Amino acid sequence: MHEMMQQMWHTWSEGGLVMVGMVLLAVAMYASAVNLLINLKYRGLTRAADDIVRGWVARPEGAPQRLRELIRYTQDGVNSIRDIEGRFREVEATQVTDVDRRIAFLNVLVISAPLFGLLGTVLGMLLTFKAIGVGGSSTSDVIAKGISEALVCTQTGMMVCIPGLVMVTMAKRRRHEYVAFLARLEGITLRYFRPQFRGMTSFFFRKDGEGGSQSNSPAASEPISDGAVP
């Protein structure tokens, strides 16, 4: 263990000042990636069978905590099928857009890692050429230091970048799974509430009370015909 720590310190010292920026970049990248993957951990929920999801829609209080508020939001105070669809569009516009923004930021961090390595390579080669131009008894030592700095920075940049690419791919896959689950949840919700609305016009109205009276929404008084038979 002691030898490994010495080897790591030797590699760090050979990389020059660029290694400081590389470490800060790696910490920011991995922290952002882990946080994003934790927030997108819906695997057990997104793969639930339709019967289970239908039970969550019928009884939101029995749904997992991460979905309970979402399901209630898509149901509370809705008066038509279009209201439900509008609620799901709002969910997509807020949650999915936020995930896309965070994935884009993570991509920038991942791309920056090899660029930092390239910067270290350029600085190392500049040091090497400067030593060659100056000459002197210590030329060989300076050349060796410049070449070592160039190679170490390039290697470190690749080592930081590759795990970041894997995490970005995992985040994108979980994002697609979540979007597909939202679409499936919307379809199940619409099928569940459709019998509670009547009419085959552009607007569907929920039956209020035992008498089946229409809702007091503006669309209830002036339904827009869709060409279908009511």
Protein backbone atom coordinates (compact mmCIF):
# COMPACT_ATOMS: atom_id res chain seq x y z
CA MET A 1 0.00 0.00 0.00
CA HIS A 2 2.83 2.35 0.86
CA GLU A 3 4.53 1.63 -2.47
CA MET A 4 1.31 2.29 -4.34
CA MET A 5 0.90 5.66 -2.64
CA GLN A 6 4.48 6.54 -3.52
CA GLN A 7 3.86 5.60 -7.15
CA MET A 8 0.72 7.73 -7.27
CA TRP A 9 2.55 10.69 -5.78
CA HIS A 10 5.40 10.25 -8.25
CA THR A 11 2.93 10.24 -11.14
CA TRP A 12 1.18 13.30 -9.72
CA SER A 13 4.43 15.24 -9.35
CA GLU A 14 5.51 14.37 -12.88
CA GLY A 15 2.32 15.78 -14.38
CA GLY A 16 2.95 19.40 -13.43
CA LEU A 17 0.40 22.07 -12.56
CA VAL A 18 -2.15 20.73 -15.04
CA MET A 19 -2.75 17.80 -12.69
CA VAL A 20 -4.34 20.16 -10.14
CA GLY A 21 -6.99 21.19 -12.66
CA MET A 22 -7.41 17.56 -13.70
CA VAL A 23 -8.18 16.49 -10.13
CA LEU A 24 -10.70 19.29 -9.61
CA LEU A 25 -12.35 18.38 -12.92
CA ALA A 26 -12.52 14.69 -11.98
CA VAL A 27 -14.11 15.45 -8.60
CA ALA A 28 -16.74 17.72 -10.18
CA MET A 29 -17.43 15.21 -12.98
CA TYR A 30 -17.84 12.13 -10.81
CA ALA A 31 -19.86 13.93 -8.14
CA SER A 32 -22.25 15.29 -10.78
CA ALA A 33 -22.52 11.89 -12.49
CA VAL A 34 -23.20 9.95 -9.27
CA ASN A 35 -25.84 12.47 -8.16
CA LEU A 36 -27.56 12.29 -11.55
CA LEU A 37 -27.55 8.48 -11.61
CA ILE A 38 -29.03 8.35 -8.11
CA ASN A 39 -31.82 10.76 -9.09
CA LEU A 40 -32.57 8.65 -12.18
CA LYS A 41 -32.69 5.36 -10.30
CA TYR A 42 -36.21 4.35 -11.40
CA ARG A 43 -35.31 0.87 -12.64
CA GLY A 44 -37.63 -1.00 -10.25
CA LEU A 45 -40.43 1.44 -11.03
CA THR A 46 -40.05 1.78 -14.79
CA ARG A 47 -40.13 -2.00 -15.24
CA ALA A 48 -43.29 -2.51 -13.21
CA ALA A 49 -46.08 -4.44 -14.95
CA ASP A 50 -49.11 -2.59 -16.30
CA ASP A 51 -51.38 -4.11 -13.64
CA ILE A 52 -49.16 -2.72 -10.90
CA VAL A 53 -49.02 0.72 -12.51
CA ARG A 54 -52.80 0.67 -12.94
CA GLY A 55 -53.11 0.00 -9.22
CA TRP A 56 -50.90 3.01 -8.51
CA VAL A 57 -53.09 5.18 -10.74
CA ALA A 58 -56.27 3.98 -9.01
CA ARG A 59 -54.77 4.43 -5.52
CA PRO A 60 -51.93 6.98 -5.57
CA GLU A 61 -51.38 6.56 -1.82
CA GLY A 62 -50.19 3.02 -2.51
CA ALA A 63 -47.63 4.10 -5.10
CA PRO A 64 -43.90 4.28 -4.27
CA GLN A 65 -42.89 7.54 -2.66
CA ARG A 66 -40.96 8.75 -5.70
CA LEU A 67 -44.09 8.50 -7.87
CA ARG A 68 -46.81 9.33 -5.38
CA GLU A 69 -46.75 13.11 -5.81
CA LEU A 70 -46.33 12.84 -9.58
CA ILE A 71 -49.43 10.63 -9.94
CA ARG A 72 -51.47 12.87 -7.68
CA TYR A 73 -50.41 15.94 -9.65
CA THR A 74 -51.63 14.42 -12.91
CA GLN A 75 -55.04 13.62 -11.36
CA ASP A 76 -56.02 16.36 -8.92
CA GLY A 77 -58.48 18.91 -10.27
CA VAL A 78 -58.66 17.55 -13.82
CA ASN A 79 -61.92 18.03 -15.71
CA SER A 80 -61.09 16.55 -19.08
CA ILE A 81 -58.77 14.21 -20.88
CA ARG A 82 -56.89 17.22 -22.20
CA ASP A 83 -56.26 18.35 -18.63
CA ILE A 84 -54.52 15.06 -17.90
CA GLU A 85 -52.46 15.30 -21.07
CA GLY A 86 -51.52 18.86 -20.17
CA ARG A 87 -50.33 17.77 -16.72
CA PHE A 88 -48.04 15.15 -18.26
CA ARG A 89 -46.65 17.73 -20.69
CA GLU A 90 -45.83 19.93 -17.69
CA VAL A 91 -44.05 17.03 -15.98
CA GLU A 92 -41.99 16.35 -19.09
CA ALA A 93 -41.17 20.03 -19.54
CA THR A 94 -39.84 20.32 -15.99
CA GLN A 95 -38.27 16.99 -15.05
CA VAL A 96 -37.03 15.71 -18.41
CA THR A 97 -35.67 19.11 -19.42
CA ASP A 98 -33.77 19.34 -16.15
CA VAL A 99 -32.25 15.89 -16.75
CA ASP A 100 -31.24 16.89 -20.28
CA ARG A 101 -29.57 20.03 -18.94
CA ARG A 102 -27.58 18.05 -16.38
CA ILE A 103 -26.53 15.45 -18.96
CA ALA A 104 -25.32 18.25 -21.27
CA PHE A 105 -23.27 19.73 -18.40
CA LEU A 106 -21.79 16.30 -17.65
CA ASN A 107 -20.86 15.90 -21.32
CA VAL A 108 -18.94 19.18 -21.16
CA LEU A 109 -16.98 17.95 -18.14
CA VAL A 110 -16.17 14.63 -19.83
CA ILE A 111 -14.96 16.36 -23.00
CA SER A 112 -12.81 18.72 -20.93
CA ALA A 113 -10.75 15.87 -19.41
CA PRO A 114 -8.78 14.91 -22.56
CA LEU A 115 -8.43 18.61 -23.38
CA PHE A 116 -6.71 19.13 -20.04
CA GLY A 117 -4.47 16.20 -20.93
CA LEU A 118 -3.70 17.79 -24.28
CA LEU A 119 -2.84 21.05 -22.52
CA GLY A 120 -0.38 19.20 -20.29
CA THR A 121 1.11 17.53 -23.36
CA VAL A 122 1.66 20.87 -25.08
CA LEU A 123 3.24 22.40 -21.97
CA GLY A 124 5.54 19.38 -21.58
CA MET A 125 6.66 19.54 -25.20
CA LEU A 126 7.28 23.29 -24.90
CA LEU A 127 9.51 22.60 -21.90
CA THR A 128 11.35 19.97 -23.91
CA PHE A 129 11.95 22.24 -26.89
CA LYS A 130 13.08 25.05 -24.60
CA ALA A 131 15.65 22.73 -23.02
CA ILE A 132 16.90 21.65 -26.44
CA GLY A 133 17.28 25.27 -27.52
CA VAL A 134 19.10 26.38 -24.37
CA GLY A 135 21.44 23.40 -24.12
CA GLY A 136 23.81 22.89 -21.22
CA SER A 137 24.72 20.07 -18.87
CA SER A 138 21.19 19.67 -17.49
CA THR A 139 19.53 19.46 -20.90
CA SER A 140 18.89 15.73 -20.69
CA ASP A 141 17.17 16.06 -17.31
CA VAL A 142 14.90 18.88 -18.49
CA ILE A 143 14.04 16.99 -21.68
CA ALA A 144 13.16 13.88 -19.67
CA LYS A 145 10.99 15.97 -17.33
CA GLY A 146 9.16 17.61 -20.25
CA ILE A 147 8.47 14.32 -22.01
CA SER A 148 7.32 12.71 -18.75
CA GLU A 149 4.96 15.61 -18.06
CA ALA A 150 3.48 15.37 -21.55
CA LEU A 151 2.86 11.63 -21.34
CA VAL A 152 1.52 11.64 -17.78
CA CYS A 153 -1.01 14.40 -18.53
CA THR A 154 -2.25 12.61 -21.63
CA GLN A 155 -2.61 9.35 -19.73
CA THR A 156 -4.42 10.98 -16.83
CA GLY A 157 -6.82 12.80 -19.14
CA MET A 158 -7.82 9.53 -20.78
CA MET A 159 -8.18 7.76 -17.44
CA VAL A 160 -10.51 10.49 -16.17
CA CYS A 161 -12.50 10.67 -19.41
CA ILE A 162 -13.28 6.97 -19.94
CA PRO A 163 -15.25 6.37 -16.68
CA GLY A 164 -17.05 9.65 -17.33
CA LEU A 165 -18.19 8.41 -20.75
CA VAL A 166 -19.52 5.23 -19.14
CA MET A 167 -21.49 7.26 -16.59
CA VAL A 168 -22.92 9.54 -19.29
CA THR A 169 -24.09 6.49 -21.25
CA MET A 170 -25.76 5.07 -18.14
CA ALA A 171 -27.45 8.40 -17.42
CA LYS A 172 -28.79 8.63 -20.98
CA ARG A 173 -30.15 5.09 -20.80
CA ARG A 174 -31.94 5.79 -17.53
CA ARG A 175 -33.28 9.03 -18.96
CA HIS A 176 -34.80 7.16 -21.93
CA GLU A 177 -36.29 4.55 -19.57
CA TYR A 178 -37.90 7.29 -17.50
CA VAL A 179 -39.36 9.05 -20.55
CA ALA A 180 -40.79 5.74 -21.79
CA PHE A 181 -42.28 5.10 -18.36
CA LEU A 182 -43.93 8.55 -18.33
CA ALA A 183 -45.52 7.76 -21.71
CA ARG A 184 -46.77 4.40 -20.40
CA LEU A 185 -48.07 6.01 -17.21
CA GLU A 186 -49.92 8.62 -19.27
CA GLY A 187 -51.58 5.96 -21.41
CA ILE A 188 -52.68 3.93 -18.39
CA THR A 189 -53.99 7.07 -16.66
CA LEU A 190 -56.01 8.08 -19.72
CA ARG A 191 -57.51 4.62 -20.07
CA TYR A 192 -58.39 4.57 -16.38
CA PHE A 193 -60.15 7.96 -16.40
CA ARG A 194 -61.81 7.72 -19.81
CA PRO A 195 -64.89 5.82 -18.49
CA GLN A 196 -65.40 8.60 -15.95
CA PHE A 197 -65.86 11.09 -18.79
CA ARG A 198 -68.71 11.02 -21.28
CA GLY A 199 -69.14 12.25 -24.82
CA MET A 200 -66.94 11.66 -27.85
CA THR A 201 -66.23 15.30 -28.62
CA SER A 202 -62.91 17.05 -28.44
CA PHE A 203 -63.50 17.45 -24.69
CA PHE A 204 -64.40 14.65 -22.31
CA PHE A 205 -66.32 15.58 -19.17
CA ARG A 206 -66.11 13.90 -15.80
CA LYS A 207 -69.39 12.88 -14.19
CA ASP A 208 -69.95 14.74 -10.95
CA GLY A 209 -72.09 12.97 -8.33
CA GLU A 210 -74.66 10.26 -8.86
CA GLY A 211 -76.74 12.34 -11.23
CA GLY A 212 -73.94 12.40 -13.79
CA SER A 213 -74.07 16.18 -14.24
CA GLN A 214 -71.35 17.77 -16.30
CA SER A 215 -68.46 19.73 -14.87
CA ASN A 216 -68.68 23.49 -14.59
CA SER A 217 -65.70 23.99 -16.91
CA PRO A 218 -66.21 26.37 -19.87
CA ALA A 219 -65.83 23.50 -22.30
CA ALA A 220 -68.82 21.75 -20.76
CA SER A 221 -71.27 24.34 -22.05
CA GLU A 222 -69.81 24.60 -25.55
CA PRO A 223 -68.19 21.30 -26.56
CA ILE A 224 -66.28 21.41 -29.79
CA SER A 225 -67.40 18.67 -32.12
CA ASP A 226 -64.76 16.27 -33.38
CA GLY A 227 -66.92 14.77 -36.09
CA ALA A 228 -67.55 11.60 -34.06
CA VAL A 229 -70.94 10.38 -32.96
CA PRO A 230 -71.70 11.44 -29.31
